[in-house]
């Protein structure tokens, strides 16, 4: 693996749910000559090799994380943008129903649910009272 590719992989590992722009900033701390197109090409290659995976956590760029981490669902808070990782087992009943009723096999590693986290929900209920 080239040094630039290794730096991109290390940035994905360090940052977890990082956009290509976030990864570029991290990589440039070590290699200032790297550009955004290099990051995108490297992420595409690393995904083809099964080393990284991406998820869409909103309307912006996809975020990347290491593929060997356990599969999880992303719970995205619309208020604070915090991302909570929930084990895919919490959706077992849901995925079983989709399989039974529609013959649909879900790809839960790309699944994100949007709502409000516990802290923001508590803040909302105290300000609304």
N, C-alpha and C. Protein backbone atom coordinates (compact mmCIF):
# COMPACT_ATOMS: atom_id res chain seq x y z
N UNK A 1 0.86 -1.18 0.00
CA UNK A 1 0.00 0.00 0.00
C UNK A 1 0.91 1.24 0.00
N UNK A 2 0.54 2.21 -0.83
CA UNK A 2 1.35 3.44 -0.91
C UNK A 2 1.23 4.23 0.40
N UNK A 3 2.21 5.08 0.68
CA UNK A 3 2.14 5.88 1.91
C UNK A 3 0.89 6.77 1.97
N UNK A 4 0.48 7.35 0.84
CA UNK A 4 -0.72 8.20 0.84
C UNK A 4 -1.96 7.38 1.17
N UNK A 5 -2.07 6.19 0.59
CA UNK A 5 -3.23 5.34 0.88
C UNK A 5 -3.24 4.93 2.35
N UNK A 6 -2.06 4.64 2.88
CA UNK A 6 -1.96 4.28 4.29
C UNK A 6 -2.41 5.44 5.18
N UNK A 7 -2.04 6.65 4.81
CA UNK A 7 -2.45 7.83 5.58
C UNK A 7 -3.97 8.02 5.54
N UNK A 8 -4.58 7.78 4.38
CA UNK A 8 -6.05 7.89 4.28
C UNK A 8 -6.70 6.83 5.17
N UNK A 9 -6.20 5.60 5.11
CA UNK A 9 -6.76 4.53 5.94
C UNK A 9 -6.61 4.86 7.43
N UNK A 10 -5.45 5.37 7.82
CA UNK A 10 -5.23 5.74 9.22
C UNK A 10 -6.15 6.88 9.64
N UNK A 11 -6.41 7.82 8.74
CA UNK A 11 -7.32 8.93 9.05
C UNK A 11 -8.74 8.42 9.25
N UNK A 12 -9.17 7.48 8.41
CA UNK A 12 -10.51 6.89 8.56
C UNK A 12 -10.62 6.22 9.93
N UNK A 13 -9.57 5.49 10.31
CA UNK A 13 -9.57 4.81 11.60
C UNK A 13 -9.62 5.81 12.75
N UNK A 14 -8.83 6.85 12.67
CA UNK A 14 -8.76 7.83 13.76
C UNK A 14 -10.03 8.66 13.89
N UNK A 15 -10.64 9.01 12.76
CA UNK A 15 -11.77 9.93 12.79
C UNK A 15 -13.13 9.24 12.87
N UNK A 16 -13.17 7.96 12.56
CA UNK A 16 -14.42 7.20 12.49
C UNK A 16 -15.36 7.78 11.46
N UNK A 17 -16.52 8.28 11.78
CA UNK A 17 -17.50 8.74 10.78
C UNK A 17 -17.05 10.05 10.16
N UNK A 18 -16.10 9.97 9.22
CA UNK A 18 -15.49 11.17 8.65
C UNK A 18 -15.84 11.33 7.18
N UNK A 19 -16.05 12.57 6.79
CA UNK A 19 -16.28 12.88 5.38
C UNK A 19 -14.92 12.93 4.67
N UNK A 20 -14.93 12.87 3.34
CA UNK A 20 -13.66 13.01 2.61
C UNK A 20 -12.93 14.32 2.96
N UNK A 21 -13.66 15.40 3.17
CA UNK A 21 -13.02 16.67 3.55
C UNK A 21 -12.33 16.56 4.92
N UNK A 22 -12.99 15.90 5.87
CA UNK A 22 -12.39 15.69 7.19
C UNK A 22 -11.12 14.85 7.06
N UNK A 23 -11.20 13.82 6.23
CA UNK A 23 -10.06 12.93 6.01
C UNK A 23 -8.90 13.70 5.38
N UNK A 24 -9.21 14.56 4.42
CA UNK A 24 -8.17 15.37 3.77
C UNK A 24 -7.45 16.25 4.79
N UNK A 25 -8.19 16.90 5.66
CA UNK A 25 -7.58 17.75 6.69
C UNK A 25 -6.63 16.94 7.56
N UNK A 26 -7.07 15.74 7.95
CA UNK A 26 -6.24 14.87 8.79
C UNK A 26 -4.99 14.42 8.04
N UNK A 27 -5.13 14.01 6.79
CA UNK A 27 -3.99 13.53 5.99
C UNK A 27 -2.99 14.66 5.76
N UNK A 28 -3.48 15.86 5.53
CA UNK A 28 -2.59 17.00 5.26
C UNK A 28 -1.74 17.40 6.46
N UNK A 29 -2.09 16.92 7.63
CA UNK A 29 -1.24 17.17 8.80
C UNK A 29 0.12 16.49 8.62
N UNK A 30 0.13 15.40 7.85
CA UNK A 30 1.36 14.64 7.59
C UNK A 30 1.89 14.85 6.18
N UNK A 31 0.98 14.92 5.21
CA UNK A 31 1.37 15.02 3.80
C UNK A 31 0.61 16.18 3.15
N UNK A 32 1.20 17.35 3.16
CA UNK A 32 0.50 18.55 2.70
C UNK A 32 0.17 18.55 1.22
N UNK A 33 0.82 17.72 0.42
CA UNK A 33 0.59 17.71 -1.02
C UNK A 33 -0.61 16.90 -1.48
N UNK A 34 -1.28 16.22 -0.57
CA UNK A 34 -2.44 15.39 -0.94
C UNK A 34 -3.63 16.29 -1.27
N UNK A 35 -4.36 15.95 -2.34
CA UNK A 35 -5.55 16.74 -2.70
C UNK A 35 -6.82 15.91 -2.55
N UNK A 36 -7.96 16.56 -2.67
CA UNK A 36 -9.24 15.91 -2.42
C UNK A 36 -9.52 14.79 -3.41
N UNK A 37 -9.08 14.93 -4.67
CA UNK A 37 -9.34 13.86 -5.64
C UNK A 37 -8.57 12.60 -5.27
N UNK A 38 -7.38 12.76 -4.70
CA UNK A 38 -6.61 11.61 -4.22
C UNK A 38 -7.36 10.91 -3.10
N UNK A 39 -7.93 11.69 -2.20
CA UNK A 39 -8.69 11.11 -1.08
C UNK A 39 -9.89 10.33 -1.61
N UNK A 40 -10.66 10.91 -2.53
CA UNK A 40 -11.82 10.22 -3.09
C UNK A 40 -11.43 8.93 -3.81
N UNK A 41 -10.38 8.99 -4.63
CA UNK A 41 -9.94 7.79 -5.35
C UNK A 41 -9.47 6.72 -4.37
N UNK A 42 -8.75 7.14 -3.35
CA UNK A 42 -8.25 6.19 -2.36
C UNK A 42 -9.39 5.56 -1.57
N UNK A 43 -10.37 6.36 -1.18
CA UNK A 43 -11.53 5.82 -0.46
C UNK A 43 -12.28 4.80 -1.31
N UNK A 44 -12.42 5.10 -2.60
CA UNK A 44 -13.09 4.18 -3.52
C UNK A 44 -12.32 2.86 -3.59
N UNK A 45 -11.01 2.94 -3.73
CA UNK A 45 -10.17 1.74 -3.78
C UNK A 45 -10.25 0.96 -2.47
N UNK A 46 -10.13 1.66 -1.35
CA UNK A 46 -10.18 0.99 -0.04
C UNK A 46 -11.52 0.31 0.19
N UNK A 47 -12.59 0.91 -0.35
CA UNK A 47 -13.90 0.28 -0.22
C UNK A 47 -13.99 -0.97 -1.10
N UNK A 48 -13.45 -0.90 -2.30
CA UNK A 48 -13.42 -2.08 -3.19
C UNK A 48 -12.62 -3.21 -2.56
N UNK A 49 -11.57 -2.87 -1.82
CA UNK A 49 -10.74 -3.87 -1.14
C UNK A 49 -11.37 -4.38 0.15
N UNK A 50 -12.49 -3.79 0.54
CA UNK A 50 -13.18 -4.22 1.75
C UNK A 50 -12.58 -3.68 3.04
N UNK A 51 -11.77 -2.63 2.94
CA UNK A 51 -11.13 -2.08 4.12
C UNK A 51 -11.93 -0.97 4.79
N UNK A 52 -12.70 -0.23 3.99
CA UNK A 52 -13.55 0.83 4.55
C UNK A 52 -14.97 0.66 4.02
N UNK A 53 -15.88 1.28 4.72
CA UNK A 53 -17.29 1.26 4.32
C UNK A 53 -17.82 2.68 4.49
N UNK A 54 -18.86 3.01 3.74
CA UNK A 54 -19.42 4.36 3.87
C UNK A 54 -20.90 4.29 4.23
N UNK A 55 -21.38 5.40 4.74
CA UNK A 55 -22.80 5.55 5.05
C UNK A 55 -23.19 6.99 4.76
N UNK A 56 -24.44 7.19 4.41
CA UNK A 56 -24.96 8.54 4.18
C UNK A 56 -25.72 8.96 5.43
N UNK A 57 -25.16 9.92 6.14
CA UNK A 57 -25.74 10.34 7.42
C UNK A 57 -26.42 11.69 7.31
N UNK A 58 -26.82 12.06 6.15
CA UNK A 58 -27.47 13.34 5.93
C UNK A 58 -27.41 13.69 4.46
N UNK A 59 -27.59 14.96 4.18
CA UNK A 59 -27.62 15.41 2.80
C UNK A 59 -26.23 15.70 2.25
N UNK A 60 -25.22 15.70 3.08
CA UNK A 60 -23.87 16.01 2.64
C UNK A 60 -23.14 14.80 2.11
N UNK A 61 -21.84 14.89 2.15
CA UNK A 61 -20.97 13.81 1.65
C UNK A 61 -21.12 12.57 2.53
N UNK A 62 -20.84 11.40 1.96
CA UNK A 62 -20.89 10.19 2.78
C UNK A 62 -19.80 10.23 3.85
N UNK A 63 -19.98 9.45 4.89
CA UNK A 63 -18.95 9.32 5.92
C UNK A 63 -18.37 7.92 5.84
N UNK A 64 -17.12 7.80 6.24
CA UNK A 64 -16.40 6.54 6.11
C UNK A 64 -15.93 6.04 7.47
N UNK A 65 -15.91 4.72 7.60
CA UNK A 65 -15.36 4.08 8.79
C UNK A 65 -14.75 2.75 8.37
N UNK A 66 -13.94 2.17 9.24
CA UNK A 66 -13.30 0.90 8.91
C UNK A 66 -14.36 -0.19 8.75
N UNK A 67 -14.19 -1.01 7.74
CA UNK A 67 -15.18 -2.05 7.44
C UNK A 67 -15.13 -3.20 8.43
N UNK A 68 -14.00 -3.39 9.10
CA UNK A 68 -13.91 -4.54 10.01
C UNK A 68 -14.55 -4.27 11.37
N UNK A 69 -15.03 -3.07 11.57
CA UNK A 69 -15.77 -2.79 12.80
C UNK A 69 -17.10 -3.52 12.72
N UNK A 70 -17.70 -3.83 13.84
CA UNK A 70 -18.97 -4.56 13.82
C UNK A 70 -20.00 -3.76 13.02
N UNK A 71 -20.90 -4.48 12.37
CA UNK A 71 -21.95 -3.80 11.62
C UNK A 71 -22.89 -3.11 12.61
N UNK A 72 -23.28 -1.91 12.25
CA UNK A 72 -24.12 -1.13 13.16
C UNK A 72 -25.04 -0.22 12.36
N UNK A 73 -26.07 0.22 13.03
CA UNK A 73 -27.01 1.19 12.48
C UNK A 73 -26.59 2.55 13.02
N UNK A 74 -26.70 3.56 12.19
CA UNK A 74 -26.38 4.91 12.62
C UNK A 74 -27.65 5.63 13.06
N UNK A 75 -27.65 6.11 14.29
CA UNK A 75 -28.75 6.92 14.81
C UNK A 75 -28.24 8.36 14.82
N UNK A 76 -28.80 9.19 13.96
CA UNK A 76 -28.30 10.54 13.75
C UNK A 76 -29.25 11.55 14.38
N UNK A 77 -28.72 12.35 15.31
CA UNK A 77 -29.54 13.38 15.95
C UNK A 77 -29.63 14.59 15.03
N UNK A 78 -30.85 14.98 14.71
CA UNK A 78 -31.06 16.14 13.84
C UNK A 78 -30.71 17.46 14.53
N UNK A 79 -30.70 17.48 15.86
CA UNK A 79 -30.42 18.72 16.58
C UNK A 79 -28.92 18.95 16.76
N UNK A 80 -28.22 17.99 17.35
CA UNK A 80 -26.79 18.17 17.65
C UNK A 80 -25.88 17.47 16.65
N UNK A 81 -26.44 16.70 15.73
CA UNK A 81 -25.72 15.93 14.69
C UNK A 81 -24.86 14.80 15.26
N UNK A 82 -25.02 14.49 16.53
CA UNK A 82 -24.30 13.36 17.11
C UNK A 82 -24.73 12.08 16.41
N UNK A 83 -23.78 11.15 16.22
CA UNK A 83 -24.08 9.86 15.61
C UNK A 83 -23.86 8.78 16.65
N UNK A 84 -24.91 8.01 16.91
CA UNK A 84 -24.85 6.91 17.87
C UNK A 84 -24.83 5.62 17.06
N UNK A 85 -23.95 4.69 17.44
CA UNK A 85 -23.89 3.40 16.77
C UNK A 85 -24.71 2.40 17.58
N UNK A 86 -25.69 1.79 16.93
CA UNK A 86 -26.51 0.76 17.58
C UNK A 86 -26.26 -0.56 16.87
N UNK A 87 -26.13 -1.62 17.61
CA UNK A 87 -25.92 -2.93 17.01
C UNK A 87 -27.09 -3.29 16.11
N UNK A 88 -26.80 -3.93 14.98
CA UNK A 88 -27.86 -4.27 14.02
C UNK A 88 -28.91 -5.19 14.62
N UNK A 89 -28.59 -5.86 15.70
CA UNK A 89 -29.56 -6.77 16.31
C UNK A 89 -30.81 -6.04 16.79
N UNK A 90 -30.71 -4.73 17.07
CA UNK A 90 -31.90 -3.99 17.50
C UNK A 90 -32.95 -3.91 16.39
N UNK A 91 -32.52 -4.14 15.16
CA UNK A 91 -33.45 -4.07 14.02
C UNK A 91 -33.82 -5.46 13.49
N UNK A 92 -33.52 -6.50 14.25
CA UNK A 92 -33.77 -7.87 13.78
C UNK A 92 -35.23 -8.11 13.42
N UNK A 93 -36.14 -7.65 14.25
CA UNK A 93 -37.56 -7.85 13.99
C UNK A 93 -37.98 -7.11 12.71
N UNK A 94 -37.48 -5.90 12.55
CA UNK A 94 -37.77 -5.08 11.37
C UNK A 94 -37.26 -5.76 10.09
N UNK A 95 -36.00 -6.20 10.11
CA UNK A 95 -35.43 -6.82 8.91
C UNK A 95 -36.11 -8.16 8.60
N UNK A 96 -36.49 -8.89 9.64
CA UNK A 96 -37.21 -10.16 9.42
C UNK A 96 -38.55 -9.90 8.75
N UNK A 97 -39.23 -8.84 9.17
CA UNK A 97 -40.52 -8.50 8.57
C UNK A 97 -40.35 -8.09 7.10
N UNK A 98 -39.34 -7.32 6.80
CA UNK A 98 -39.07 -6.93 5.40
C UNK A 98 -38.77 -8.16 4.55
N UNK A 99 -38.00 -9.09 5.10
CA UNK A 99 -37.67 -10.32 4.38
C UNK A 99 -38.92 -11.15 4.14
N UNK A 100 -39.75 -11.30 5.18
CA UNK A 100 -40.94 -12.15 5.08
C UNK A 100 -41.99 -11.55 4.14
N UNK A 101 -42.27 -10.26 4.29
CA UNK A 101 -43.35 -9.65 3.52
C UNK A 101 -42.96 -9.24 2.11
N UNK A 102 -41.68 -8.89 1.91
CA UNK A 102 -41.28 -8.36 0.61
C UNK A 102 -40.16 -9.16 -0.05
N UNK A 103 -39.61 -10.14 0.67
CA UNK A 103 -38.46 -10.87 0.13
C UNK A 103 -37.24 -9.97 0.01
N UNK A 104 -37.19 -8.94 0.85
CA UNK A 104 -36.15 -7.91 0.75
C UNK A 104 -35.06 -8.16 1.78
N UNK A 105 -33.82 -8.28 1.30
CA UNK A 105 -32.66 -8.44 2.18
C UNK A 105 -32.04 -7.07 2.42
N UNK A 106 -31.98 -6.66 3.65
CA UNK A 106 -31.48 -5.32 3.97
C UNK A 106 -29.96 -5.29 4.10
N UNK A 107 -29.39 -4.15 3.77
CA UNK A 107 -27.97 -3.88 3.95
C UNK A 107 -27.88 -2.89 5.11
N UNK A 108 -27.89 -3.40 6.31
CA UNK A 108 -27.98 -2.54 7.49
C UNK A 108 -26.73 -1.70 7.73
N UNK A 109 -25.60 -2.06 7.14
CA UNK A 109 -24.41 -1.26 7.38
C UNK A 109 -24.48 0.11 6.71
N UNK A 110 -25.44 0.31 5.82
CA UNK A 110 -25.64 1.61 5.20
C UNK A 110 -26.91 2.29 5.72
N UNK A 111 -27.40 1.85 6.84
CA UNK A 111 -28.69 2.31 7.34
C UNK A 111 -28.51 3.41 8.38
N UNK A 112 -29.24 4.49 8.22
CA UNK A 112 -29.21 5.59 9.20
C UNK A 112 -30.65 5.96 9.54
N UNK A 113 -30.89 6.18 10.82
CA UNK A 113 -32.19 6.61 11.30
C UNK A 113 -32.00 8.00 11.91
N UNK A 114 -32.85 8.93 11.51
CA UNK A 114 -32.75 10.30 11.99
C UNK A 114 -33.81 10.58 13.04
N UNK A 115 -33.43 11.34 14.05
CA UNK A 115 -34.36 11.70 15.11
C UNK A 115 -33.67 12.63 16.09
N UNK A 116 -34.00 12.49 17.37
CA UNK A 116 -33.38 13.30 18.41
C UNK A 116 -32.77 12.37 19.45
N UNK A 117 -31.54 12.68 19.83
CA UNK A 117 -30.87 11.88 20.86
C UNK A 117 -31.52 12.15 22.22
N UNK A 118 -31.14 11.35 23.18
CA UNK A 118 -31.71 11.47 24.52
C UNK A 118 -31.49 12.86 25.12
N UNK A 119 -30.25 13.37 25.00
CA UNK A 119 -29.95 14.70 25.57
C UNK A 119 -30.78 15.80 24.93
N UNK A 120 -30.87 15.78 23.60
CA UNK A 120 -31.64 16.82 22.90
C UNK A 120 -33.13 16.68 23.19
N UNK A 121 -33.61 15.46 23.33
CA UNK A 121 -35.02 15.26 23.68
C UNK A 121 -35.31 15.83 25.06
N UNK A 122 -34.38 15.61 26.00
CA UNK A 122 -34.56 16.16 27.35
C UNK A 122 -34.53 17.68 27.34
N UNK A 123 -33.60 18.25 26.56
CA UNK A 123 -33.54 19.72 26.45
C UNK A 123 -34.82 20.26 25.84
N UNK A 124 -35.33 19.56 24.83
CA UNK A 124 -36.56 19.99 24.16
C UNK A 124 -37.75 19.95 25.08
N UNK A 125 -37.82 18.92 25.96
CA UNK A 125 -38.98 18.84 26.84
C UNK A 125 -38.90 19.85 27.97
N UNK A 126 -37.69 20.26 28.36
CA UNK A 126 -37.60 21.26 29.42
C UNK A 126 -37.88 22.66 28.87
N UNK A 127 -37.48 22.92 27.61
CA UNK A 127 -37.74 24.25 27.05
C UNK A 127 -39.18 24.39 26.58
N UNK A 128 -39.83 23.27 26.27
CA UNK A 128 -41.21 23.33 25.80
C UNK A 128 -42.21 23.35 26.95
N UNK A 129 -41.78 23.03 28.20
CA UNK A 129 -42.72 22.99 29.32
C UNK A 129 -43.10 24.35 29.80
